[in-house]
């Protein structure tokens, strides 16, 4: 793998930290402050879906062979989730470009879409890494999860007084993936047929 490709992958992961974590967290707090139910609901749904991205990072720490495939699936469904809701889309389209919160949200949605596409292209350029992440040429894909590994290692040691190793990461990642998949299937089978692409944001946070 050449140095230019390695730099491209590293930059993609750095951008993902900004647009998958930093900016949506800022938008979520901003939307709560402005009492924007549509954007708050959009971000609430986004955070539920984005859990899969963090699960994929745990699987990358555990060097699970199909971790990169799960990373791509996570960015794909995150992209779908932020464009999926008809009522939220209609609400955002009613605001002019001068509305800062809505405009920033729209820019963020396009940025997530772009990052998802970049991840897919880079993965296809390293197609062997999708099914076999442990090869030497795929090492660059494991490096971005290093900081996340250090956080989990310290947290795991603090809570349980035990070391957080690659086998533990693989087990926890696969277990979390199973729970996530069951939750997603429950939504697809039970909730989606009832509500369709209506997020119900008008009732969000009114309890």
N, C-alpha and C. Protein backbone atom coordinates (compact mmCIF):
# COMPACT_ATOMS: atom_id res chain seq x y z
N UNK A 1 0.85 -1.19 0.00
CA UNK A 1 0.00 0.00 0.00
C UNK A 1 0.89 1.24 0.00
N UNK A 2 0.73 2.17 -0.97
CA UNK A 2 1.61 3.31 -1.06
C UNK A 2 1.28 4.36 0.00
N UNK A 3 2.25 5.29 0.20
CA UNK A 3 2.12 6.28 1.27
C UNK A 3 0.94 7.23 1.03
N UNK A 4 0.64 7.54 -0.24
CA UNK A 4 -0.48 8.43 -0.55
C UNK A 4 -1.81 7.80 -0.12
N UNK A 5 -1.94 6.51 -0.36
CA UNK A 5 -3.15 5.79 0.04
C UNK A 5 -3.27 5.74 1.56
N UNK A 6 -2.15 5.50 2.23
CA UNK A 6 -2.14 5.48 3.69
C UNK A 6 -2.55 6.83 4.26
N UNK A 7 -2.04 7.91 3.66
CA UNK A 7 -2.40 9.26 4.12
C UNK A 7 -3.88 9.52 3.90
N UNK A 8 -4.40 9.05 2.78
CA UNK A 8 -5.82 9.24 2.47
C UNK A 8 -6.70 8.53 3.50
N UNK A 9 -6.32 7.31 3.88
CA UNK A 9 -7.09 6.56 4.88
C UNK A 9 -7.01 7.25 6.24
N UNK A 10 -5.82 7.72 6.60
CA UNK A 10 -5.66 8.40 7.88
C UNK A 10 -6.49 9.67 7.94
N UNK A 11 -6.49 10.45 6.85
CA UNK A 11 -7.28 11.68 6.81
C UNK A 11 -8.77 11.39 6.89
N UNK A 12 -9.20 10.30 6.27
CA UNK A 12 -10.62 9.93 6.30
C UNK A 12 -11.08 9.64 7.72
N UNK A 13 -10.24 8.93 8.48
CA UNK A 13 -10.60 8.63 9.86
C UNK A 13 -10.58 9.89 10.72
N UNK A 14 -9.65 10.81 10.45
CA UNK A 14 -9.62 12.06 11.20
C UNK A 14 -10.86 12.89 10.91
N UNK A 15 -11.28 12.94 9.64
CA UNK A 15 -12.50 13.65 9.28
C UNK A 15 -13.73 13.00 9.92
N UNK A 16 -13.68 11.66 10.00
CA UNK A 16 -14.82 10.96 10.60
C UNK A 16 -15.00 11.34 12.06
N UNK A 17 -13.89 11.59 12.78
CA UNK A 17 -14.00 12.00 14.18
C UNK A 17 -14.71 13.34 14.30
N UNK A 18 -14.48 14.21 13.32
CA UNK A 18 -15.11 15.53 13.32
C UNK A 18 -16.58 15.43 12.95
N UNK A 19 -16.88 14.73 11.85
CA UNK A 19 -18.24 14.74 11.31
C UNK A 19 -19.13 13.62 11.84
N UNK A 20 -18.53 12.57 12.39
CA UNK A 20 -19.34 11.49 12.96
C UNK A 20 -19.54 11.68 14.46
N UNK A 21 -18.62 12.39 15.11
CA UNK A 21 -18.72 12.58 16.56
C UNK A 21 -18.84 14.06 16.94
N UNK A 22 -17.83 14.85 16.61
CA UNK A 22 -17.75 16.23 17.07
C UNK A 22 -18.89 17.13 16.62
N UNK A 23 -19.09 17.22 15.32
CA UNK A 23 -20.11 18.12 14.79
C UNK A 23 -21.54 17.69 15.15
N UNK A 24 -21.90 16.42 15.03
CA UNK A 24 -23.26 16.04 15.44
C UNK A 24 -23.54 16.26 16.91
N UNK A 25 -22.51 16.10 17.77
CA UNK A 25 -22.69 16.39 19.19
C UNK A 25 -22.97 17.87 19.41
N UNK A 26 -22.23 18.72 18.67
CA UNK A 26 -22.45 20.16 18.74
C UNK A 26 -23.84 20.53 18.25
N UNK A 27 -24.24 19.93 17.12
CA UNK A 27 -25.57 20.19 16.57
C UNK A 27 -26.68 19.74 17.51
N UNK A 28 -26.47 18.62 18.18
CA UNK A 28 -27.47 18.10 19.11
C UNK A 28 -27.69 19.08 20.27
N UNK A 29 -26.60 19.57 20.84
CA UNK A 29 -26.70 20.54 21.94
C UNK A 29 -27.32 21.84 21.44
N UNK A 30 -26.93 22.25 20.24
CA UNK A 30 -27.44 23.48 19.63
C UNK A 30 -28.95 23.37 19.39
N UNK A 31 -29.38 22.22 18.89
CA UNK A 31 -30.80 22.03 18.60
C UNK A 31 -31.64 22.00 19.87
N UNK A 32 -31.10 21.46 20.95
CA UNK A 32 -31.81 21.45 22.23
C UNK A 32 -31.95 22.87 22.76
N UNK A 33 -30.86 23.65 22.65
CA UNK A 33 -30.90 25.03 23.10
C UNK A 33 -31.91 25.85 22.31
N UNK A 34 -31.99 25.61 20.99
CA UNK A 34 -32.92 26.35 20.13
C UNK A 34 -34.31 25.73 20.08
N UNK A 35 -34.49 24.63 20.81
CA UNK A 35 -35.77 23.91 20.85
C UNK A 35 -36.24 23.52 19.45
N UNK A 36 -35.30 23.04 18.65
CA UNK A 36 -35.61 22.55 17.30
C UNK A 36 -35.88 21.05 17.37
N UNK A 37 -37.15 20.68 17.45
CA UNK A 37 -37.50 19.27 17.63
C UNK A 37 -37.08 18.42 16.43
N UNK A 38 -37.19 18.98 15.22
CA UNK A 38 -36.86 18.20 14.02
C UNK A 38 -35.40 17.78 14.03
N UNK A 39 -34.51 18.74 14.32
CA UNK A 39 -33.08 18.44 14.30
C UNK A 39 -32.69 17.61 15.52
N UNK A 40 -33.33 17.85 16.66
CA UNK A 40 -33.06 17.03 17.84
C UNK A 40 -33.43 15.57 17.58
N UNK A 41 -34.58 15.37 16.94
CA UNK A 41 -35.01 14.01 16.61
C UNK A 41 -34.09 13.37 15.59
N UNK A 42 -33.66 14.15 14.59
CA UNK A 42 -32.72 13.65 13.58
C UNK A 42 -31.44 13.18 14.24
N UNK A 43 -30.90 13.99 15.15
CA UNK A 43 -29.65 13.63 15.82
C UNK A 43 -29.85 12.50 16.80
N UNK A 44 -31.01 12.44 17.45
CA UNK A 44 -31.29 11.33 18.36
C UNK A 44 -31.29 10.01 17.61
N UNK A 45 -31.94 9.98 16.46
CA UNK A 45 -31.95 8.77 15.63
C UNK A 45 -30.55 8.45 15.11
N UNK A 46 -29.82 9.50 14.75
CA UNK A 46 -28.46 9.31 14.23
C UNK A 46 -27.57 8.64 15.27
N UNK A 47 -27.64 9.09 16.54
CA UNK A 47 -26.78 8.52 17.57
C UNK A 47 -27.09 7.05 17.81
N UNK A 48 -28.37 6.69 17.70
CA UNK A 48 -28.75 5.28 17.86
C UNK A 48 -28.12 4.43 16.75
N UNK A 49 -28.16 4.96 15.53
CA UNK A 49 -27.61 4.22 14.39
C UNK A 49 -26.09 4.19 14.42
N UNK A 50 -25.47 5.30 14.84
CA UNK A 50 -24.01 5.42 14.77
C UNK A 50 -23.29 4.50 15.76
N UNK A 51 -24.03 3.89 16.68
CA UNK A 51 -23.41 2.94 17.61
C UNK A 51 -22.66 1.85 16.84
N UNK A 52 -23.17 1.49 15.66
CA UNK A 52 -22.52 0.44 14.87
C UNK A 52 -21.11 0.85 14.45
N UNK A 53 -20.89 2.14 14.21
CA UNK A 53 -19.55 2.60 13.85
C UNK A 53 -18.56 2.34 14.99
N UNK A 54 -18.98 2.59 16.22
CA UNK A 54 -18.11 2.37 17.38
C UNK A 54 -17.92 0.87 17.63
N UNK A 55 -18.95 0.10 17.33
CA UNK A 55 -18.81 -1.36 17.42
C UNK A 55 -17.75 -1.83 16.42
N UNK A 56 -17.76 -1.25 15.22
CA UNK A 56 -16.77 -1.64 14.21
C UNK A 56 -15.35 -1.29 14.65
N UNK A 57 -15.21 -0.17 15.39
CA UNK A 57 -13.88 0.19 15.91
C UNK A 57 -13.40 -0.83 16.94
N UNK A 58 -14.33 -1.31 17.78
CA UNK A 58 -13.97 -2.35 18.74
C UNK A 58 -13.55 -3.63 18.02
N UNK A 59 -14.25 -3.95 16.94
CA UNK A 59 -13.90 -5.14 16.16
C UNK A 59 -12.57 -4.96 15.44
N UNK A 60 -12.25 -3.73 15.05
CA UNK A 60 -10.94 -3.45 14.46
C UNK A 60 -9.84 -3.64 15.51
N UNK A 61 -10.12 -3.22 16.75
CA UNK A 61 -9.17 -3.45 17.84
C UNK A 61 -8.94 -4.95 18.02
N UNK A 62 -10.03 -5.73 17.94
CA UNK A 62 -9.93 -7.18 18.07
C UNK A 62 -9.45 -7.87 16.81
N UNK A 63 -9.17 -7.06 15.77
CA UNK A 63 -8.68 -7.57 14.48
C UNK A 63 -9.60 -8.65 13.91
N UNK A 64 -10.89 -8.40 14.04
CA UNK A 64 -11.89 -9.28 13.44
C UNK A 64 -11.87 -9.09 11.93
N UNK A 65 -11.83 -10.20 11.18
CA UNK A 65 -11.58 -10.13 9.74
C UNK A 65 -12.57 -9.26 8.97
N UNK A 66 -13.83 -9.26 9.39
CA UNK A 66 -14.84 -8.51 8.64
C UNK A 66 -15.16 -7.16 9.28
N UNK A 67 -14.25 -6.66 10.13
CA UNK A 67 -14.49 -5.39 10.82
C UNK A 67 -14.61 -4.23 9.84
N UNK A 68 -13.79 -4.25 8.79
CA UNK A 68 -13.83 -3.16 7.81
C UNK A 68 -15.15 -3.17 7.04
N UNK A 69 -15.67 -4.33 6.78
CA UNK A 69 -16.98 -4.43 6.12
C UNK A 69 -18.06 -3.80 7.01
N UNK A 70 -17.98 -4.06 8.31
CA UNK A 70 -18.96 -3.50 9.24
C UNK A 70 -18.80 -1.99 9.34
N UNK A 71 -17.55 -1.50 9.26
CA UNK A 71 -17.33 -0.05 9.23
C UNK A 71 -18.04 0.58 8.05
N UNK A 72 -17.92 -0.04 6.89
CA UNK A 72 -18.58 0.49 5.69
C UNK A 72 -20.10 0.42 5.81
N UNK A 73 -20.60 -0.67 6.37
CA UNK A 73 -22.05 -0.79 6.57
C UNK A 73 -22.53 0.29 7.54
N UNK A 74 -21.75 0.55 8.57
CA UNK A 74 -22.14 1.56 9.57
C UNK A 74 -22.23 2.95 8.94
N UNK A 75 -21.23 3.32 8.13
CA UNK A 75 -21.28 4.65 7.49
C UNK A 75 -22.42 4.72 6.48
N UNK A 76 -22.72 3.58 5.85
CA UNK A 76 -23.82 3.56 4.88
C UNK A 76 -25.16 3.79 5.56
N UNK A 77 -25.42 3.07 6.64
CA UNK A 77 -26.73 3.22 7.28
C UNK A 77 -26.82 4.53 8.05
N UNK A 78 -25.69 5.09 8.50
CA UNK A 78 -25.71 6.42 9.08
C UNK A 78 -26.14 7.44 8.04
N UNK A 79 -25.60 7.29 6.82
CA UNK A 79 -25.98 8.19 5.74
C UNK A 79 -27.46 8.07 5.41
N UNK A 80 -27.95 6.82 5.33
CA UNK A 80 -29.36 6.60 5.05
C UNK A 80 -30.23 7.22 6.14
N UNK A 81 -29.81 7.07 7.40
CA UNK A 81 -30.63 7.53 8.53
C UNK A 81 -30.81 9.04 8.55
N UNK A 82 -29.82 9.79 8.08
CA UNK A 82 -29.93 11.25 8.15
C UNK A 82 -30.71 11.85 6.97
N UNK A 83 -30.99 11.02 5.96
CA UNK A 83 -31.81 11.46 4.83
C UNK A 83 -33.17 10.76 4.80
N UNK A 84 -33.40 9.84 5.70
CA UNK A 84 -34.51 8.89 5.58
C UNK A 84 -35.88 9.49 5.92
N UNK A 85 -35.94 10.42 6.86
CA UNK A 85 -37.21 10.83 7.45
C UNK A 85 -37.88 11.94 6.64
N UNK A 86 -39.04 11.65 6.07
CA UNK A 86 -39.74 12.61 5.21
C UNK A 86 -40.16 13.86 5.97
N UNK A 87 -40.70 13.70 7.17
CA UNK A 87 -41.19 14.86 7.92
C UNK A 87 -40.05 15.79 8.32
N UNK A 88 -38.89 15.22 8.66
CA UNK A 88 -37.73 16.05 9.00
C UNK A 88 -37.21 16.76 7.76
N UNK A 89 -37.15 16.06 6.64
CA UNK A 89 -36.70 16.68 5.39
C UNK A 89 -37.60 17.86 5.01
N UNK A 90 -38.91 17.67 5.14
CA UNK A 90 -39.86 18.74 4.81
C UNK A 90 -39.67 19.94 5.74
N UNK A 91 -39.42 19.65 7.01
CA UNK A 91 -39.22 20.73 7.98
C UNK A 91 -37.95 21.52 7.66
N UNK A 92 -36.86 20.83 7.36
CA UNK A 92 -35.59 21.51 7.06
C UNK A 92 -35.68 22.32 5.77
N UNK A 93 -36.45 21.85 4.81
CA UNK A 93 -36.59 22.56 3.54
C UNK A 93 -37.37 23.86 3.66
N UNK A 94 -38.10 24.02 4.74
CA UNK A 94 -38.88 25.24 4.94
C UNK A 94 -38.02 26.42 5.40
N UNK A 95 -36.82 26.14 5.90
CA UNK A 95 -35.97 27.21 6.42
C UNK A 95 -35.05 27.74 5.31
N UNK A 96 -34.77 29.03 5.38
CA UNK A 96 -33.88 29.67 4.42
C UNK A 96 -32.43 29.43 4.82
N UNK A 97 -31.54 29.73 3.89
CA UNK A 97 -30.11 29.48 4.11
C UNK A 97 -29.57 30.34 5.25
N UNK A 98 -30.25 31.43 5.57
CA UNK A 98 -29.81 32.31 6.65
C UNK A 98 -30.03 31.70 8.03
N UNK A 99 -30.81 30.62 8.09
CA UNK A 99 -31.04 29.94 9.38
C UNK A 99 -29.83 29.07 9.67
N UNK A 100 -28.98 29.54 10.61
CA UNK A 100 -27.66 28.94 10.82
C UNK A 100 -27.71 27.48 11.21
N UNK A 101 -28.58 27.12 12.15
CA UNK A 101 -28.65 25.74 12.63
C UNK A 101 -29.05 24.78 11.51
N UNK A 102 -30.07 25.15 10.76
CA UNK A 102 -30.54 24.29 9.67
C UNK A 102 -29.49 24.16 8.57
N UNK A 103 -28.86 25.28 8.21
CA UNK A 103 -27.83 25.25 7.16
C UNK A 103 -26.64 24.40 7.58
N UNK A 104 -26.22 24.52 8.83
CA UNK A 104 -25.11 23.71 9.33
C UNK A 104 -25.48 22.23 9.32
N UNK A 105 -26.73 21.94 9.67
CA UNK A 105 -27.21 20.54 9.65
C UNK A 105 -27.17 19.98 8.23
N UNK A 106 -27.59 20.79 7.26
CA UNK A 106 -27.57 20.33 5.87
C UNK A 106 -26.14 20.09 5.40
N UNK A 107 -25.21 20.97 5.77
CA UNK A 107 -23.80 20.78 5.40
C UNK A 107 -23.26 19.51 6.03
N UNK A 108 -23.63 19.29 7.29
CA UNK A 108 -23.19 18.07 7.99
C UNK A 108 -23.72 16.82 7.29
N UNK A 109 -24.97 16.84 6.86
CA UNK A 109 -25.54 15.66 6.19
C UNK A 109 -24.79 15.34 4.90
N UNK A 110 -24.46 16.37 4.13
CA UNK A 110 -23.70 16.13 2.89
C UNK A 110 -22.28 15.67 3.20
N UNK A 111 -21.71 16.16 4.29
CA UNK A 111 -20.35 15.75 4.68
C UNK A 111 -20.32 14.27 5.05
N UNK A 112 -21.32 13.83 5.82
CA UNK A 112 -21.41 12.42 6.18
C UNK A 112 -21.55 11.56 4.93
N UNK A 113 -22.36 12.01 3.98
CA UNK A 113 -22.54 11.28 2.73
C UNK A 113 -21.21 11.16 1.98
N UNK A 114 -20.46 12.25 1.94
CA UNK A 114 -19.17 12.26 1.25
C UNK A 114 -18.18 11.31 1.94
N UNK A 115 -18.13 11.35 3.28
CA UNK A 115 -17.22 10.48 4.02
C UNK A 115 -17.57 9.02 3.79
N UNK A 116 -18.85 8.70 3.78
CA UNK A 116 -19.29 7.34 3.53
C UNK A 116 -18.83 6.86 2.16
N UNK A 117 -18.93 7.73 1.16
CA UNK A 117 -18.49 7.38 -0.19
C UNK A 117 -16.98 7.17 -0.25
N UNK A 118 -16.23 8.04 0.44
CA UNK A 118 -14.78 7.92 0.48
C UNK A 118 -14.35 6.60 1.13
N UNK A 119 -15.02 6.25 2.24
CA UNK A 119 -14.72 4.98 2.91
C UNK A 119 -14.94 3.81 1.96
N UNK A 120 -16.04 3.87 1.23
CA UNK A 120 -16.35 2.77 0.32
C UNK A 120 -15.30 2.66 -0.79
N UNK A 121 -14.91 3.79 -1.36
CA UNK A 121 -13.91 3.78 -2.44
C UNK A 121 -12.57 3.25 -1.93
N UNK A 122 -12.16 3.72 -0.75
CA UNK A 122 -10.89 3.28 -0.19
C UNK A 122 -10.92 1.78 0.15
N UNK A 123 -12.04 1.31 0.63
CA UNK A 123 -12.17 -0.11 0.94
C UNK A 123 -12.09 -0.96 -0.31
N UNK A 124 -12.72 -0.49 -1.38
CA UNK A 124 -12.67 -1.23 -2.65
C UNK A 124 -11.26 -1.23 -3.23
N UNK A 125 -10.50 -0.17 -2.95
CA UNK A 125 -9.11 -0.13 -3.39
C UNK A 125 -8.23 -1.09 -2.59
N UNK A 126 -8.73 -1.49 -1.42
CA UNK A 126 -8.03 -2.47 -0.57
C UNK A 126 -8.98 -3.63 -0.28
N UNK A 127 -9.49 -4.22 -1.34
CA UNK A 127 -10.58 -5.19 -1.23
C UNK A 127 -10.23 -6.38 -0.35
N UNK A 128 -8.96 -6.76 -0.31
CA UNK A 128 -8.57 -7.90 0.52
C UNK A 128 -8.75 -7.63 2.01
N UNK A 129 -8.69 -6.34 2.40
CA UNK A 129 -8.81 -5.98 3.81
C UNK A 129 -10.24 -6.14 4.32
N UNK A 130 -11.21 -6.20 3.42
CA UNK A 130 -12.60 -6.37 3.84
C UNK A 130 -12.82 -7.74 4.46
N UNK A 131 -12.13 -8.75 3.92
CA UNK A 131 -12.32 -10.11 4.43
C UNK A 131 -11.13 -10.62 5.24
N UNK A 132 -9.98 -9.90 5.17
CA UNK A 132 -8.80 -10.37 5.91
C UNK A 132 -8.01 -9.17 6.40
N UNK A 133 -8.41 -8.63 7.56
CA UNK A 133 -7.84 -7.39 8.09
C UNK A 133 -6.46 -7.59 8.70
N UNK A 134 -6.06 -8.85 8.93
CA UNK A 134 -4.81 -9.12 9.64
C UNK A 134 -3.57 -9.13 8.75
N UNK A 135 -3.72 -8.97 7.47
CA UNK A 135 -2.56 -8.96 6.58
C UNK A 135 -1.76 -7.68 6.77
N UNK A 136 -0.48 -7.72 6.41
CA UNK A 136 0.42 -6.58 6.62
C UNK A 136 -0.04 -5.34 5.86
N UNK A 137 -0.60 -5.51 4.68
CA UNK A 137 -1.03 -4.36 3.88
C UNK A 137 -2.27 -3.67 4.45
N UNK A 138 -2.91 -4.32 5.41
CA UNK A 138 -4.14 -3.74 6.01
C UNK A 138 -3.87 -3.09 7.35
N UNK A 139 -2.62 -3.03 7.75
CA UNK A 139 -2.27 -2.50 9.07
C UNK A 139 -2.74 -1.06 9.26
N UNK A 140 -2.74 -0.28 8.17
CA UNK A 140 -3.14 1.12 8.24
C UNK A 140 -4.58 1.27 8.70
N UNK A 141 -5.42 0.27 8.39
CA UNK A 141 -6.82 0.34 8.79
C UNK A 141 -7.01 0.13 10.29
N UNK A 142 -6.01 -0.49 10.94
CA UNK A 142 -6.10 -0.76 12.37
C UNK A 142 -5.60 0.40 13.22
N UNK A 143 -4.75 1.25 12.65
CA UNK A 143 -4.13 2.32 13.43
C UNK A 143 -5.13 3.36 13.96
N UNK A 144 -6.13 3.77 13.15
CA UNK A 144 -7.05 4.82 13.66
C UNK A 144 -7.83 4.41 14.90
N UNK A 145 -7.95 3.12 15.18
CA UNK A 145 -8.69 2.68 16.36
C UNK A 145 -7.81 2.63 17.61
N UNK A 146 -6.53 3.02 17.47
CA UNK A 146 -5.59 2.94 18.59
C UNK A 146 -6.02 3.82 19.77
N UNK A 147 -6.39 5.07 19.48
CA UNK A 147 -6.80 5.98 20.55
C UNK A 147 -8.06 5.48 21.25
N UNK A 148 -8.98 4.93 20.47
CA UNK A 148 -10.20 4.37 21.04
C UNK A 148 -9.85 3.18 21.92
N UNK A 149 -8.85 2.41 21.50
CA UNK A 149 -8.40 1.27 22.30
C UNK A 149 -7.85 1.72 23.65
N UNK A 150 -7.08 2.80 23.66
CA UNK A 150 -6.51 3.30 24.91
C UNK A 150 -7.61 3.76 25.87
N UNK A 151 -8.65 4.41 25.32
CA UNK A 151 -9.76 4.85 26.16
C UNK A 151 -10.47 3.65 26.77
N UNK A 152 -10.77 2.66 25.94
CA UNK A 152 -11.46 1.46 26.42
C UNK A 152 -10.60 0.67 27.40
N UNK A 153 -9.31 0.63 27.15
CA UNK A 153 -8.40 -0.11 28.04
C UNK A 153 -8.41 0.49 29.43
N UNK A 154 -8.30 1.83 29.50
CA UNK A 154 -8.30 2.50 30.80
C UNK A 154 -9.66 2.37 31.49
N UNK A 155 -10.74 2.48 30.69
CA UNK A 155 -12.08 2.37 31.26
C UNK A 155 -12.34 0.96 31.78
N UNK A 156 -11.91 -0.03 31.00
CA UNK A 156 -12.11 -1.43 31.37
C UNK A 156 -11.33 -1.76 32.63
N UNK A 157 -10.12 -1.24 32.72
CA UNK A 157 -9.28 -1.48 33.90
C UNK A 157 -9.87 -0.80 35.13
N UNK A 158 -10.43 0.40 34.95
CA UNK A 158 -11.03 1.14 36.06
C UNK A 158 -12.28 0.45 36.59
N UNK A 159 -13.12 -0.05 35.67
CA UNK A 159 -14.39 -0.64 36.07
C UNK A 159 -14.27 -2.07 36.58
N UNK A 160 -13.38 -2.84 35.92
CA UNK A 160 -13.32 -4.27 36.23
C UNK A 160 -11.98 -4.72 36.78
N UNK A 161 -10.99 -3.82 36.75
CA UNK A 161 -9.68 -4.18 37.26
C UNK A 161 -9.01 -5.27 36.45
N UNK A 162 -9.33 -5.32 35.15
CA UNK A 162 -8.77 -6.35 34.26
C UNK A 162 -8.23 -5.68 33.00
N UNK A 163 -7.38 -6.40 32.30
CA UNK A 163 -6.80 -5.87 31.07
C UNK A 163 -7.77 -6.04 29.91
N UNK A 164 -7.72 -5.09 28.99
CA UNK A 164 -8.56 -5.11 27.80
C UNK A 164 -7.71 -5.55 26.61
N UNK A 165 -7.83 -6.81 26.24
CA UNK A 165 -6.99 -7.39 25.20
C UNK A 165 -7.75 -7.51 23.89
N UNK A 166 -7.06 -7.91 22.83
CA UNK A 166 -7.70 -8.10 21.53
C UNK A 166 -8.79 -9.17 21.56
N UNK A 167 -8.57 -10.32 22.22
CA UNK A 167 -9.66 -11.31 22.30
C UNK A 167 -10.89 -10.77 23.02
N UNK A 168 -10.67 -9.97 24.08
CA UNK A 168 -11.80 -9.37 24.80
C UNK A 168 -12.53 -8.39 23.90
N UNK A 169 -11.78 -7.58 23.15
CA UNK A 169 -12.38 -6.62 22.22
C UNK A 169 -13.21 -7.33 21.16
N UNK A 170 -12.68 -8.43 20.65
CA UNK A 170 -13.40 -9.19 19.62
C UNK A 170 -14.69 -9.76 20.17
N UNK A 171 -14.64 -10.32 21.38
CA UNK A 171 -15.83 -10.88 21.99
C UNK A 171 -16.88 -9.80 22.25
N UNK A 172 -16.46 -8.69 22.86
CA UNK A 172 -17.39 -7.61 23.17
C UNK A 172 -17.98 -7.00 21.90
N UNK A 173 -17.13 -6.88 20.88
CA UNK A 173 -17.60 -6.33 19.60
C UNK A 173 -18.64 -7.22 18.96
N UNK A 174 -18.41 -8.52 18.94
CA UNK A 174 -19.37 -9.45 18.34
C UNK A 174 -20.66 -9.52 19.15
N UNK A 175 -20.55 -9.46 20.47
CA UNK A 175 -21.74 -9.48 21.32
C UNK A 175 -22.57 -8.21 21.10
N UNK A 176 -21.89 -7.06 21.05
CA UNK A 176 -22.59 -5.79 20.80
C UNK A 176 -23.22 -5.79 19.41
N UNK A 177 -22.52 -6.38 18.44
CA UNK A 177 -23.05 -6.47 17.08
C UNK A 177 -24.33 -7.30 17.05
N UNK A 178 -24.36 -8.38 17.81
CA UNK A 178 -25.56 -9.22 17.89
C UNK A 178 -26.74 -8.44 18.48
N UNK A 179 -26.51 -7.74 19.58
CA UNK A 179 -27.57 -6.95 20.21
C UNK A 179 -28.05 -5.86 19.26
N UNK A 180 -27.12 -5.20 18.60
CA UNK A 180 -27.46 -4.13 17.66
C UNK A 180 -28.31 -4.67 16.51
N UNK A 181 -27.92 -5.82 15.97
CA UNK A 181 -28.65 -6.42 14.86
C UNK A 181 -30.07 -6.80 15.27
N UNK A 182 -30.22 -7.35 16.46
CA UNK A 182 -31.55 -7.70 16.97
C UNK A 182 -32.43 -6.45 17.12
N UNK A 183 -31.83 -5.37 17.62
CA UNK A 183 -32.57 -4.12 17.76
C UNK A 183 -32.99 -3.54 16.43
N UNK A 184 -32.10 -3.63 15.45
CA UNK A 184 -32.41 -3.12 14.12
C UNK A 184 -33.51 -3.95 13.44
N UNK A 185 -33.46 -5.25 13.64
CA UNK A 185 -34.50 -6.13 13.09
C UNK A 185 -35.84 -5.85 13.75
N UNK A 186 -35.82 -5.60 15.06
CA UNK A 186 -37.06 -5.29 15.76
C UNK A 186 -37.70 -4.02 15.19
N UNK A 187 -36.87 -3.01 14.93
CA UNK A 187 -37.40 -1.76 14.35
C UNK A 187 -37.96 -2.01 12.95
N UNK A 188 -37.22 -2.79 12.13
CA UNK A 188 -37.64 -3.04 10.76
C UNK A 188 -38.93 -3.85 10.69
N UNK A 189 -39.12 -4.78 11.63
CA UNK A 189 -40.28 -5.68 11.58
C UNK A 189 -41.50 -5.08 12.29
N UNK A 190 -41.27 -4.36 13.40
CA UNK A 190 -42.39 -3.90 14.22
C UNK A 190 -42.70 -2.41 14.02
N UNK A 191 -41.70 -1.55 14.15
CA UNK A 191 -41.95 -0.11 14.14
C UNK A 191 -42.08 0.47 12.73
N UNK A 192 -41.21 0.05 11.82
CA UNK A 192 -41.21 0.65 10.49
C UNK A 192 -42.54 0.45 9.74
N UNK A 193 -43.15 -0.75 9.79
CA UNK A 193 -44.45 -0.90 9.09
C UNK A 193 -45.53 0.04 9.63
N UNK A 194 -45.43 0.44 10.89
CA UNK A 194 -46.45 1.31 11.49
C UNK A 194 -46.21 2.78 11.16
N UNK A 195 -44.96 3.23 11.32
CA UNK A 195 -44.66 4.66 11.17
C UNK A 195 -44.08 5.03 9.80
N UNK A 196 -43.53 4.05 9.09
CA UNK A 196 -42.92 4.35 7.80
C UNK A 196 -41.76 5.33 7.95
N UNK A 197 -41.69 6.31 7.05
CA UNK A 197 -40.60 7.28 7.08
C UNK A 197 -40.99 8.55 7.85
N UNK A 198 -41.93 8.41 8.75
CA UNK A 198 -42.34 9.52 9.61
C UNK A 198 -41.63 9.37 10.96
N UNK A 199 -40.80 10.32 11.30
CA UNK A 199 -40.02 10.23 12.53
C UNK A 199 -40.84 10.59 13.77
N UNK A 200 -41.94 11.31 13.57
CA UNK A 200 -42.75 11.76 14.70
C UNK A 200 -42.05 12.81 15.52
N UNK A 201 -41.24 13.67 14.88
CA UNK A 201 -40.45 14.63 15.63
C UNK A 201 -41.32 15.66 16.38
N UNK A 202 -42.55 15.88 15.91
CA UNK A 202 -43.40 16.88 16.56
C UNK A 202 -43.75 16.47 17.99
N UNK A 203 -43.67 15.17 18.28
CA UNK A 203 -43.96 14.69 19.64
C UNK A 203 -42.70 14.44 20.45
N UNK A 204 -41.55 14.75 19.86
CA UNK A 204 -40.26 14.45 20.51
C UNK A 204 -40.05 15.36 21.71
N UNK A 205 -39.69 14.74 22.83
CA UNK A 205 -39.32 15.46 24.05
C UNK A 205 -40.48 16.27 24.61
N UNK A 206 -41.73 15.77 24.46
CA UNK A 206 -42.89 16.47 25.02
C UNK A 206 -43.44 15.79 26.26
N UNK A 207 -42.84 14.66 26.60
CA UNK A 207 -43.37 13.92 27.75
C UNK A 207 -43.16 14.70 29.05
